[in-house]
Amino acid sequence: MAWSCLFCGSTPPDRKVEDAINLPNIFSSKSLQSTHKDAWIIALDPGVSCIVGAVAYDPNHPDQRRNLAVTTKCLAEPERRYRDWLEADRPEAICTAERECTKSDQETWAVFLRRFVTSYDIARAYYSTKKYKRKRWDADKAKRSELDRVLEGIVNMVDESMGRKLSGGKKVIVAIGMGDFSSTKSRHVMFIRYLIRKLRPLGYTIVGLNEYYTSKKCPCCEEFVEMPAMRRLYCRRCNKWYHRDVMAADNMVNIVRGYLEHDERPAYLKPPSKNKNTPMKRKVDEDGTSRGGPSKSRKTR
């Protein structure tokens, strides 16, 4: 797989990762309070087991929420099938040529370059075949199809469909939890970037949110929840089970509503100030960083 980009002749990957991971914080978008007062809300929380947990808010039915959880398996399956085919089809000579293109510490650059030129030509010939390019194209097409299915499910939660612009003065805010992604090539960054590219032209307003406490507190009673099982949370006070990413998205809906209605983050989702009895002020809470709290790890939000 290390050679797929070198030899298949594909275009370089999109480098504008900042479009996906540095979205404008909703608290810096002052105009939304006047233009999106009665907007529909879609909150998205990129997770570990799920590519995204989504919750939708309908201003006409404020007590009802629609939710969706999409596992990472749906996006990984096309790539897995492609890799399985590549491992089964790739001749041993190609594997040897790829290994020969790695320099060892014991040899000089002159010796390495002579071997590299020969091995490179062998590998390039294989990765330039129509058979390989066709399989790579099929895998990319399957991945895009899965992404389109995910986006269709998300916009369906607000009674819309992909490819159709918002009409009739309808406003939809898409709020994305901005965690610290370990890699700019992760599935989460790829998904967010694809979502932005598809939804912005249709009239959706996309903003980022600080995720502090969103997967720690119940969106109903606002108390801390327990985690008796991985990715499963339990609120003892409400006697209710939650999926971790869906609960985080539910809390993010409350953050957007708090901003639109009161110009501040809900008190129960603010980081604690030095005075343990007083929530931190919004200026400190929303300081422009991707996360709040004592740790930058996604696991501690």
C-alpha atoms as a PDB file:
ATOM      1  CA  MET A   1       0.000   0.000   0.000  1.00  0.00           C
ATOM      2  CA  ALA A   2       2.958   2.285   0.508  1.00  0.00           C
ATOM      3  CA  TRP A   3       3.322   2.483  -3.267  1.00  0.00           C
ATOM      4  CA  SER A   4      -0.255   3.160  -4.248  1.00  0.00           C
ATOM      5  CA  CYS A   5       0.154   6.940  -4.382  1.00  0.00           C
ATOM      6  CA  LEU A   6       3.585   6.813  -6.058  1.00  0.00           C
ATOM      7  CA  PHE A   7       2.763   4.533  -8.932  1.00  0.00           C
ATOM      8  CA  CYS A   8      -0.964   4.595  -9.590  1.00  0.00           C
ATOM      9  CA  GLY A   9      -0.854   8.102 -11.065  1.00  0.00           C
ATOM     10  CA  SER A  10      -3.639   9.392  -8.825  1.00  0.00           C
ATOM     11  CA  THR A  11      -3.908  13.057  -7.925  1.00  0.00           C
ATOM     12  CA  PRO A  12      -2.350  14.234  -4.644  1.00  0.00           C
ATOM     13  CA  PRO A  13      -4.682  14.186  -1.616  1.00  0.00           C
ATOM     14  CA  ASP A  14      -6.539  17.340  -0.604  1.00  0.00           C
ATOM     15  CA  ARG A  15      -4.233  19.280   1.709  1.00  0.00           C
ATOM     16  CA  LYS A  16      -6.871  21.687   3.012  1.00  0.00           C
ATOM     17  CA  VAL A  17      -7.317  19.771   6.250  1.00  0.00           C
ATOM     18  CA  GLU A  18      -7.781  23.028   8.152  1.00  0.00           C
ATOM     19  CA  ASP A  19     -11.213  23.321   6.507  1.00  0.00           C
ATOM     20  CA  ALA A  20     -12.249  20.260   8.490  1.00  0.00           C
ATOM     21  CA  ILE A  21     -10.498  20.656  11.827  1.00  0.00           C
ATOM     22  CA  ASN A  22     -10.522  24.443  12.332  1.00  0.00           C
ATOM     23  CA  LEU A  23     -14.178  25.267  11.845  1.00  0.00           C
ATOM     24  CA  PRO A  24     -15.375  28.598  13.259  1.00  0.00           C
ATOM     25  CA  ASN A  25     -16.481  28.254  16.863  1.00  0.00           C
ATOM     26  CA  ILE A  26     -20.189  28.923  17.210  1.00  0.00           C
ATOM     27  CA  PHE A  27     -19.530  31.485  19.956  1.00  0.00           C
ATOM     28  CA  SER A  28     -17.583  33.603  17.458  1.00  0.00           C
ATOM     29  CA  SER A  29     -20.519  33.599  14.996  1.00  0.00           C
ATOM     30  CA  LYS A  30     -22.555  36.454  16.468  1.00  0.00           C
ATOM     31  CA  SER A  31     -24.878  36.837  13.488  1.00  0.00           C
ATOM     32  CA  LEU A  32     -26.431  33.383  13.967  1.00  0.00           C
ATOM     33  CA  GLN A  33     -28.486  34.563  16.940  1.00  0.00           C
ATOM     34  CA  SER A  34     -30.516  36.858  14.712  1.00  0.00           C
ATOM     35  CA  THR A  35     -30.522  34.805  11.508  1.00  0.00           C
ATOM     36  CA  HIS A  36     -30.908  31.274  12.946  1.00  0.00           C
ATOM     37  CA  LYS A  37     -33.112  31.814  16.003  1.00  0.00           C
ATOM     38  CA  ASP A  38     -35.523  29.012  15.046  1.00  0.00           C
ATOM     39  CA  ALA A  39     -33.051  26.853  13.155  1.00  0.00           C
ATOM     40  CA  TRP A  40     -33.000  23.092  12.985  1.00  0.00           C
ATOM     41  CA  ILE A  41     -29.880  21.657  14.600  1.00  0.00           C
ATOM     42  CA  ILE A  42     -27.756  18.643  13.690  1.00  0.00           C
ATOM     43  CA  ALA A  43     -25.027  17.842  16.219  1.00  0.00           C
ATOM     44  CA  LEU A  44     -22.255  15.462  15.148  1.00  0.00           C
ATOM     45  CA  ASP A  45     -19.760  13.802  17.454  1.00  0.00           C
ATOM     46  CA  PRO A  46     -16.920  11.882  15.730  1.00  0.00           C
ATOM     47  CA  GLY A  47     -16.199   8.856  17.902  1.00  0.00           C
ATOM     48  CA  VAL A  48     -13.942   5.828  18.171  1.00  0.00           C
ATOM     49  CA  SER A  49     -16.301   2.949  17.453  1.00  0.00           C
ATOM     50  CA  CYS A  50     -18.566   5.217  15.395  1.00  0.00           C
ATOM     51  CA  ILE A  51     -17.479   7.440  12.571  1.00  0.00           C
ATOM     52  CA  VAL A  52     -20.131   9.800  13.920  1.00  0.00           C
ATOM     53  CA  GLY A  53     -22.932   9.967  16.463  1.00  0.00           C
ATOM     54  CA  ALA A  54     -25.668  12.361  15.322  1.00  0.00           C
ATOM     55  CA  VAL A  55     -28.654  13.987  17.024  1.00  0.00           C
ATOM     56  CA  ALA A  56     -31.168  16.281  15.300  1.00  0.00           C
ATOM     57  CA  TYR A  57     -33.334  18.959  16.924  1.00  0.00           C
ATOM     58  CA  ASP A  58     -36.632  20.087  15.416  1.00  0.00           C
ATOM     59  CA  PRO A  59     -37.731  23.565  16.631  1.00  0.00           C
ATOM     60  CA  ASN A  60     -41.350  22.580  15.973  1.00  0.00           C
ATOM     61  CA  HIS A  61     -41.041  19.619  18.361  1.00  0.00           C
ATOM     62  CA  PRO A  62     -38.424  20.718  20.923  1.00  0.00           C
ATOM     63  CA  ASP A  63     -38.985  17.731  23.204  1.00  0.00           C
ATOM     64  CA  GLN A  64     -38.244  15.179  20.489  1.00  0.00           C
ATOM     65  CA  ARG A  65     -34.796  14.181  19.239  1.00  0.00           C
ATOM     66  CA  ARG A  66     -33.751  12.017  16.317  1.00  0.00           C
ATOM     67  CA  ASN A  67     -30.467  10.159  16.584  1.00  0.00           C
ATOM     68  CA  LEU A  68     -28.146   8.155  14.376  1.00  0.00           C
ATOM     69  CA  ALA A  69     -24.932   6.220  15.059  1.00  0.00           C
ATOM     70  CA  VAL A  70     -22.730   5.154  12.137  1.00  0.00           C
ATOM     71  CA  THR A  71     -19.991   2.620  12.821  1.00  0.00           C
ATOM     72  CA  THR A  72     -16.531   2.961  11.293  1.00  0.00           C
ATOM     73  CA  LYS A  73     -16.924  -0.478   9.714  1.00  0.00           C
ATOM     74  CA  CYS A  74     -19.101   0.871   6.909  1.00  0.00           C
ATOM     75  CA  LEU A  75     -16.249   3.103   5.702  1.00  0.00           C
ATOM     76  CA  ALA A  76     -13.498   0.567   6.347  1.00  0.00           C
ATOM     77  CA  GLU A  77     -15.131  -2.298   4.443  1.00  0.00           C
ATOM     78  CA  PRO A  78     -14.361  -1.066   0.876  1.00  0.00           C
ATOM     79  CA  GLU A  79     -10.719  -0.481   1.813  1.00  0.00           C
ATOM     80  CA  ARG A  80     -10.485  -3.867   3.506  1.00  0.00           C
ATOM     81  CA  ARG A  81     -11.803  -5.661   0.419  1.00  0.00           C
ATOM     82  CA  TYR A  82      -9.343  -3.761  -1.761  1.00  0.00           C
ATOM     83  CA  ARG A  83      -6.396  -4.637   0.480  1.00  0.00           C
ATOM     84  CA  ASP A  84      -7.413  -8.296   0.563  1.00  0.00           C
ATOM     85  CA  TRP A  85      -7.473  -8.343  -3.228  1.00  0.00           C
ATOM     86  CA  LEU A  86      -4.115  -6.574  -3.433  1.00  0.00           C
ATOM     87  CA  GLU A  87      -2.434  -9.022  -1.064  1.00  0.00           C
ATOM     88  CA  ALA A  88      -3.803 -11.982  -3.011  1.00  0.00           C
ATOM     89  CA  ASP A  89      -3.078 -10.600  -6.488  1.00  0.00           C
ATOM     90  CA  ARG A  90       0.263  -8.844  -6.001  1.00  0.00           C
ATOM     91  CA  PRO A  91       3.140 -11.024  -7.278  1.00  0.00           C
ATOM     92  CA  GLU A  92       6.016 -11.830  -4.963  1.00  0.00           C
ATOM     93  CA  ALA A  93       8.321  -9.968  -7.328  1.00  0.00           C
ATOM     94  CA  ILE A  94       6.451  -6.735  -6.573  1.00  0.00           C
ATOM     95  CA  CYS A  95       6.722  -7.302  -2.826  1.00  0.00           C
ATOM     96  CA  THR A  96      10.455  -7.892  -3.259  1.00  0.00           C
ATOM     97  CA  ALA A  97      10.812  -4.748  -5.379  1.00  0.00           C
ATOM     98  CA  GLU A  98       9.083  -2.668  -2.705  1.00  0.00           C
ATOM     99  CA  ARG A  99      11.404  -3.997  -0.030  1.00  0.00           C
ATOM    100  CA  GLU A 100      14.401  -3.264  -2.248  1.00  0.00           C
ATOM    101  CA  CYS A 101      13.374   0.385  -2.382  1.00  0.00           C
ATOM    102  CA  THR A 102      14.208   0.808   1.302  1.00  0.00           C
ATOM    103  CA  LYS A 103      17.756   1.844   2.189  1.00  0.00           C
ATOM    104  CA  SER A 104      19.607  -0.037   4.900  1.00  0.00           C
ATOM    105  CA  ASP A 105      22.063   1.593   7.291  1.00  0.00           C
ATOM    106  CA  GLN A 106      24.939  -0.563   6.071  1.00  0.00           C
ATOM    107  CA  GLU A 107      24.953   0.489   2.404  1.00  0.00           C
ATOM    108  CA  THR A 108      26.021   3.681   0.680  1.00  0.00           C
ATOM    109  CA  TRP A 109      23.659   5.959  -1.194  1.00  0.00           C
ATOM    110  CA  ALA A 110      25.294   5.082  -4.506  1.00  0.00           C
ATOM    111  CA  VAL A 111      24.599   1.373  -4.031  1.00  0.00           C
ATOM    112  CA  PHE A 112      21.060   2.049  -2.847  1.00  0.00           C
ATOM    113  CA  LEU A 113      20.191   4.332  -5.772  1.00  0.00           C
ATOM    114  CA  ARG A 114      21.348   1.769  -8.348  1.00  0.00           C
ATOM    115  CA  ARG A 115      19.096  -0.846  -6.772  1.00  0.00           C
ATOM    116  CA  PHE A 116      16.258   1.638  -6.285  1.00  0.00           C
ATOM    117  CA  VAL A 117      16.058   2.578  -9.966  1.00  0.00           C
ATOM    118  CA  THR A 118      15.629  -1.055 -11.011  1.00  0.00           C
ATOM    119  CA  SER A 119      13.117  -1.879  -8.265  1.00  0.00           C
ATOM    120  CA  TYR A 120      11.163   1.316  -8.873  1.00  0.00           C
ATOM    121  CA  ASP A 121      10.644   0.467 -12.536  1.00  0.00           C
ATOM    122  CA  ILE A 122       9.358  -3.006 -11.613  1.00  0.00           C
ATOM    123  CA  ALA A 123       6.872  -1.662  -9.066  1.00  0.00           C
ATOM    124  CA  ARG A 124       5.783   1.202 -11.312  1.00  0.00           C
ATOM    125  CA  ALA A 125       4.986  -1.180 -14.146  1.00  0.00           C
ATOM    126  CA  TYR A 126       2.623  -3.152 -11.883  1.00  0.00           C
ATOM    127  CA  TYR A 127       0.879  -0.141 -10.342  1.00  0.00           C
ATOM    128  CA  SER A 128       0.372   1.373 -13.805  1.00  0.00           C
ATOM    129  CA  THR A 129      -1.650  -1.558 -15.117  1.00  0.00           C
ATOM    130  CA  LYS A 130      -5.326  -1.056 -15.931  1.00  0.00           C
ATOM    131  CA  LYS A 131      -6.240  -3.937 -13.644  1.00  0.00           C
ATOM    132  CA  TYR A 132      -4.709  -2.270 -10.585  1.00  0.00           C
ATOM    133  CA  LYS A 133      -6.096   1.181 -11.415  1.00  0.00           C
ATOM    134  CA  ARG A 134      -9.550  -0.266 -11.924  1.00  0.00           C
ATOM    135  CA  LYS A 135      -9.501  -1.961  -8.510  1.00  0.00           C
ATOM    136  CA  ARG A 136      -8.275   1.238  -6.853  1.00  0.00           C
ATOM    137  CA  TRP A 137     -10.977   3.251  -8.608  1.00  0.00           C
ATOM    138  CA  ASP A 138     -13.651   0.748  -7.544  1.00  0.00           C
ATOM    139  CA  ALA A 139     -12.503   0.972  -3.909  1.00  0.00           C
ATOM    140  CA  ASP A 140     -12.584   4.778  -3.948  1.00  0.00           C
ATOM    141  CA  LYS A 141     -16.021   4.779  -5.563  1.00  0.00           C
ATOM    142  CA  ALA A 142     -17.352   2.348  -2.949  1.00  0.00           C
ATOM    143  CA  LYS A 143     -15.992   4.556  -0.170  1.00  0.00           C
ATOM    144  CA  ARG A 144     -17.656   7.652  -1.638  1.00  0.00           C
ATOM    145  CA  SER A 145     -20.922   5.744  -1.930  1.00  0.00           C
ATOM    146  CA  GLU A 146     -20.752   4.845   1.769  1.00  0.00           C
ATOM    147  CA  LEU A 147     -20.050   8.477   2.656  1.00  0.00           C
ATOM    148  CA  ASP A 148     -23.027   9.593   0.583  1.00  0.00           C
ATOM    149  CA  ARG A 149     -25.251   7.076   2.396  1.00  0.00           C
ATOM    150  CA  VAL A 150     -24.103   8.456   5.751  1.00  0.00           C
ATOM    151  CA  LEU A 151     -24.788  12.052   4.684  1.00  0.00           C
ATOM    152  CA  GLU A 152     -28.196  11.066   3.327  1.00  0.00           C
ATOM    153  CA  GLY A 153     -29.094   9.552   6.698  1.00  0.00           C
ATOM    154  CA  ILE A 154     -27.923  12.692   8.496  1.00  0.00           C
ATOM    155  CA  VAL A 155     -29.890  15.190   6.396  1.00  0.00           C
ATOM    156  CA  ASN A 156     -32.951  12.925   6.477  1.00  0.00           C
ATOM    157  CA  MET A 157     -33.125  13.646  10.213  1.00  0.00           C
ATOM    158  CA  VAL A 158     -34.109  17.225   9.369  1.00  0.00           C
ATOM    159  CA  ASP A 159     -36.505  16.135   6.600  1.00  0.00           C
ATOM    160  CA  GLU A 160     -34.102  16.978   3.784  1.00  0.00           C
ATOM    161  CA  SER A 161     -32.231  14.997   1.141  1.00  0.00           C
ATOM    162  CA  MET A 162     -28.808  15.216  -0.475  1.00  0.00           C
ATOM    163  CA  GLY A 163     -28.540  17.245  -3.652  1.00  0.00           C
ATOM    164  CA  ARG A 164     -31.412  19.565  -2.727  1.00  0.00           C
ATOM    165  CA  LYS A 165     -30.757  23.048  -1.394  1.00  0.00           C
ATOM    166  CA  LEU A 166     -32.549  24.327   1.677  1.00  0.00           C
ATOM    167  CA  SER A 167     -35.601  26.302   0.631  1.00  0.00           C
ATOM    168  CA  GLY A 168     -38.476  28.240   2.108  1.00  0.00           C
ATOM    169  CA  GLY A 169     -36.243  30.136   4.509  1.00  0.00           C
ATOM    170  CA  LYS A 170     -35.351  26.947   6.391  1.00  0.00           C
ATOM    171  CA  LYS A 171     -32.163  27.208   8.455  1.00  0.00           C
ATOM    172  CA  VAL A 172     -30.072  24.241   9.567  1.00  0.00           C
ATOM    173  CA  ILE A 173     -27.013  24.460  11.814  1.00  0.00           C
ATOM    174  CA  VAL A 174     -24.582  21.544  11.664  1.00  0.00           C
ATOM    175  CA  ALA A 175     -22.446  21.560  14.830  1.00  0.00           C
ATOM    176  CA  ILE A 176     -19.365  19.326  14.831  1.00  0.00           C
ATOM    177  CA  GLY A 177     -17.454  18.389  17.962  1.00  0.00           C
ATOM    178  CA  MET A 178     -13.847  19.391  17.452  1.00  0.00           C
ATOM    179  CA  GLY A 179     -11.599  16.866  19.183  1.00  0.00           C
ATOM    180  CA  ASP A 180      -7.846  16.483  18.813  1.00  0.00           C
ATOM    181  CA  PHE A 181      -7.506  14.085  15.923  1.00  0.00           C
ATOM    182  CA  SER A 182      -4.349  11.983  15.997  1.00  0.00           C
ATOM    183  CA  SER A 183      -3.821  12.261  12.237  1.00  0.00           C
ATOM    184  CA  THR A 184      -4.938  14.587   9.471  1.00  0.00           C
ATOM    185  CA  LYS A 185      -5.517  11.449   7.372  1.00  0.00           C
ATOM    186  CA  SER A 186      -7.877   9.807   9.851  1.00  0.00           C
ATOM    187  CA  ARG A 187     -11.343   8.674   8.801  1.00  0.00           C
ATOM    188  CA  HIS A 188     -12.863  11.394  10.982  1.00  0.00           C
ATOM    189  CA  VAL A 189     -11.030  14.215   9.215  1.00  0.00           C
ATOM    190  CA  MET A 190     -11.817  12.653   5.846  1.00  0.00           C
ATOM    191  CA  PHE A 191     -15.498  12.394   6.768  1.00  0.00           C
ATOM    192  CA  ILE A 192     -15.744  15.953   8.128  1.00  0.00           C
ATOM    193  CA  ARG A 193     -13.991  17.368   5.083  1.00  0.00           C
ATOM    194  CA  TYR A 194     -16.360  15.459   2.767  1.00  0.00           C
ATOM    195  CA  LEU A 195     -19.387  16.617   4.776  1.00  0.00           C
ATOM    196  CA  ILE A 196     -18.326  20.255   4.535  1.00  0.00           C
ATOM    197  CA  ARG A 197     -17.731  20.000   0.799  1.00  0.00           C
ATOM    198  CA  LYS A 198     -21.177  18.482   0.235  1.00  0.00           C
ATOM    199  CA  LEU A 199     -23.383  20.400   2.688  1.00  0.00           C
ATOM    200  CA  ARG A 200     -22.101  23.972   2.525  1.00  0.00           C
ATOM    201  CA  PRO A 201     -23.229  24.529  -1.089  1.00  0.00           C
ATOM    202  CA  LEU A 202     -26.708  23.331  -0.079  1.00  0.00           C
ATOM    203  CA  GLY A 203     -27.113  26.146   2.460  1.00  0.00           C
ATOM    204  CA  TYR A 204     -26.214  24.362   5.704  1.00  0.00           C
ATOM    205  CA  THR A 205     -24.396  26.439   8.335  1.00  0.00           C
ATOM    206  CA  ILE A 206     -21.463  24.441   9.722  1.00  0.00           C
ATOM    207  CA  VAL A 207     -19.719  25.367  12.972  1.00  0.00           C
ATOM    208  CA  GLY A 208     -17.392  23.743  15.486  1.00  0.00           C
ATOM    209  CA  LEU A 209     -17.987  23.139  19.196  1.00  0.00           C
ATOM    210  CA  ASN A 210     -15.815  22.585  22.236  1.00  0.00           C
ATOM    211  CA  GLU A 211     -16.679  19.077  23.486  1.00  0.00           C
ATOM    212  CA  TYR A 212     -15.978  19.659  27.182  1.00  0.00           C
ATOM    213  CA  TYR A 213     -18.159  17.419  29.423  1.00  0.00           C
ATOM    214  CA  THR A 214     -20.386  16.380  26.499  1.00  0.00           C
ATOM    215  CA  SER A 215     -19.767  12.673  27.108  1.00  0.00           C
ATOM    216  CA  LYS A 216     -19.637  12.979  30.893  1.00  0.00           C
ATOM    217  CA  LYS A 217     -23.029  14.451  31.813  1.00  0.00           C
ATOM    218  CA  CYS A 218     -26.613  13.464  31.128  1.00  0.00           C
ATOM    219  CA  PRO A 219     -28.393  15.858  28.725  1.00  0.00           C
ATOM    220  CA  CYS A 220     -31.657  15.423  30.668  1.00  0.00           C
ATOM    221  CA  CYS A 221     -30.790  15.750  34.373  1.00  0.00           C
ATOM    222  CA  GLU A 222     -27.353  17.366  33.800  1.00  0.00           C
ATOM    223  CA  GLU A 223     -25.654  15.009  36.293  1.00  0.00           C
ATOM    224  CA  PHE A 224     -22.533  12.913  35.742  1.00  0.00           C
ATOM    225  CA  VAL A 225     -23.137   9.516  34.158  1.00  0.00           C
ATOM    226  CA  GLU A 226     -21.506   6.147  34.812  1.00  0.00           C
ATOM    227  CA  MET A 227     -19.687   3.985  32.271  1.00  0.00           C
ATOM    228  CA  PRO A 228     -20.301   0.330  33.211  1.00  0.00           C
ATOM    229  CA  ALA A 229     -19.354  -0.841  29.699  1.00  0.00           C
ATOM    230  CA  MET A 230     -17.188   0.464  26.881  1.00  0.00           C
ATOM    231  CA  ARG A 231     -19.036   3.140  24.868  1.00  0.00           C
ATOM    232  CA  ARG A 232     -22.172   2.572  26.990  1.00  0.00           C
ATOM    233  CA  LEU A 233     -23.160   5.169  29.584  1.00  0.00           C
ATOM    234  CA  TYR A 234     -25.776   4.978  32.317  1.00  0.00           C
ATOM    235  CA  CYS A 235     -27.549   7.790  34.147  1.00  0.00           C
ATOM    236  CA  ARG A 236     -28.595   6.510  37.548  1.00  0.00           C
ATOM    237  CA  ARG A 237     -30.867   9.466  38.218  1.00  0.00           C
ATOM    238  CA  CYS A 238     -32.816   9.079  34.947  1.00  0.00           C
ATOM    239  CA  ASN A 239     -32.412   5.291  34.878  1.00  0.00           C
ATOM    240  CA  LYS A 240     -31.420   5.601  31.232  1.00  0.00           C
ATOM    241  CA  TRP A 241     -28.723   4.081  29.015  1.00  0.00           C
ATOM    242  CA  TYR A 242     -26.863   6.091  26.373  1.00  0.00           C
ATOM    243  CA  HIS A 243     -24.503   5.411  23.530  1.00  0.00           C
ATOM    244  CA  ARG A 244     -21.471   7.557  24.316  1.00  0.00           C
ATOM    245  CA  ASP A 245     -21.240   9.370  20.971  1.00  0.00           C
ATOM    246  CA  VAL A 246     -25.001   9.893  20.688  1.00  0.00           C
ATOM    247  CA  MET A 247     -25.172  11.344  24.210  1.00  0.00           C
ATOM    248  CA  ALA A 248     -22.301  13.697  23.385  1.00  0.00           C
ATOM    249  CA  ALA A 249     -24.183  14.877  20.287  1.00  0.00           C
ATOM    250  CA  ASP A 250     -27.326  15.381  22.399  1.00  0.00           C
ATOM    251  CA  ASN A 251     -25.363  17.634  24.751  1.00  0.00           C
ATOM    252  CA  MET A 252     -23.974  19.513  21.764  1.00  0.00           C
ATOM    253  CA  VAL A 253     -27.542  20.286  20.676  1.00  0.00           C
ATOM    254  CA  ASN A 254     -28.035  21.861  24.114  1.00  0.00           C
ATOM    255  CA  ILE A 255     -24.876  23.928  23.592  1.00  0.00           C
ATOM    256  CA  VAL A 256     -26.166  25.317  20.295  1.00  0.00           C
ATOM    257  CA  ARG A 257     -29.567  26.062  21.819  1.00  0.00           C
ATOM    258  CA  GLY A 258     -27.871  27.768  24.763  1.00  0.00           C
ATOM    259  CA  TYR A 259     -25.970  29.984  22.378  1.00  0.00           C
ATOM    260  CA  LEU A 260     -29.005  30.861  20.254  1.00  0.00           C
ATOM    261  CA  GLU A 261     -31.279  31.549  23.238  1.00  0.00           C
ATOM    262  CA  HIS A 262     -28.937  32.937  25.910  1.00  0.00           C
ATOM    263  CA  ASP A 263     -25.604  33.633  24.179  1.00  0.00           C
ATOM    264  CA  GLU A 264     -23.755  31.254  26.473  1.00  0.00           C
ATOM    265  CA  ARG A 265     -22.892  27.628  26.974  1.00  0.00           C
ATOM    266  CA  PRO A 266     -25.195  25.712  29.374  1.00  0.00           C
ATOM    267  CA  ALA A 267     -23.847  25.954  32.917  1.00  0.00           C
ATOM    268  CA  TYR A 268     -23.609  22.190  33.376  1.00  0.00           C
ATOM    269  CA  LEU A 269     -21.303  21.913  30.339  1.00  0.00           C
ATOM    270  CA  LYS A 270     -18.907  24.665  31.376  1.00  0.00           C
ATOM    271  CA  PRO A 271     -15.468  23.776  32.766  1.00  0.00           C
ATOM    272  CA  PRO A 272     -15.247  24.389  36.536  1.00  0.00           C
ATOM    273  CA  SER A 273     -13.626  27.639  37.601  1.00  0.00           C
ATOM    274  CA  LYS A 274     -11.232  28.048  40.535  1.00  0.00           C
ATOM    275  CA  ASN A 275     -14.296  28.497  42.697  1.00  0.00           C
ATOM    276  CA  LYS A 276     -15.692  24.949  42.572  1.00  0.00           C
ATOM    277  CA  ASN A 277     -19.231  26.227  43.064  1.00  0.00           C
ATOM    278  CA  THR A 278     -19.123  28.622  40.109  1.00  0.00           C
ATOM    279  CA  PRO A 279     -18.988  27.556  36.457  1.00  0.00           C
ATOM    280  CA  MET A 280     -16.264  29.132  34.376  1.00  0.00           C
ATOM    281  CA  LYS A 281     -17.242  32.189  32.309  1.00  0.00           C
ATOM    282  CA  ARG A 282     -17.823  31.766  28.617  1.00  0.00           C
ATOM    283  CA  LYS A 283     -14.768  33.820  27.651  1.00  0.00           C
ATOM    284  CA  VAL A 284     -12.524  31.248  29.264  1.00  0.00           C
ATOM    285  CA  ASP A 285     -14.710  28.316  28.305  1.00  0.00           C
ATOM    286  CA  GLU A 286     -14.667  29.167  24.610  1.00  0.00           C
ATOM    287  CA  ASP A 287     -11.071  30.324  24.193  1.00  0.00           C
ATOM    288  CA  GLY A 288     -10.783  29.337  20.553  1.00  0.00           C
ATOM    289  CA  THR A 289      -9.105  25.990  21.168  1.00  0.00           C
ATOM    290  CA  SER A 290     -10.541  22.733  19.966  1.00  0.00           C
ATOM    291  CA  ARG A 291     -11.204  21.383  23.445  1.00  0.00           C
ATOM    292  CA  GLY A 292     -11.477  22.380  27.078  1.00  0.00           C
ATOM    293  CA  GLY A 293     -10.651  20.476  30.230  1.00  0.00           C
ATOM    294  CA  PRO A 294      -7.582  19.088  31.923  1.00  0.00           C
ATOM    295  CA  SER A 295      -6.497  16.856  29.047  1.00  0.00           C
ATOM    296  CA  LYS A 296      -6.331  17.094  25.268  1.00  0.00           C
ATOM    297  CA  SER A 297      -7.118  13.440  24.826  1.00  0.00           C
ATOM    298  CA  ARG A 298     -10.444  12.565  23.184  1.00  0.00           C
ATOM    299  CA  LYS A 299     -10.894   9.923  25.866  1.00  0.00           C
ATOM    300  CA  THR A 300     -11.232  12.504  28.648  1.00  0.00           C
ATOM    301  CA  ARG A 301     -13.883  14.790  27.281  1.00  0.00           C
END
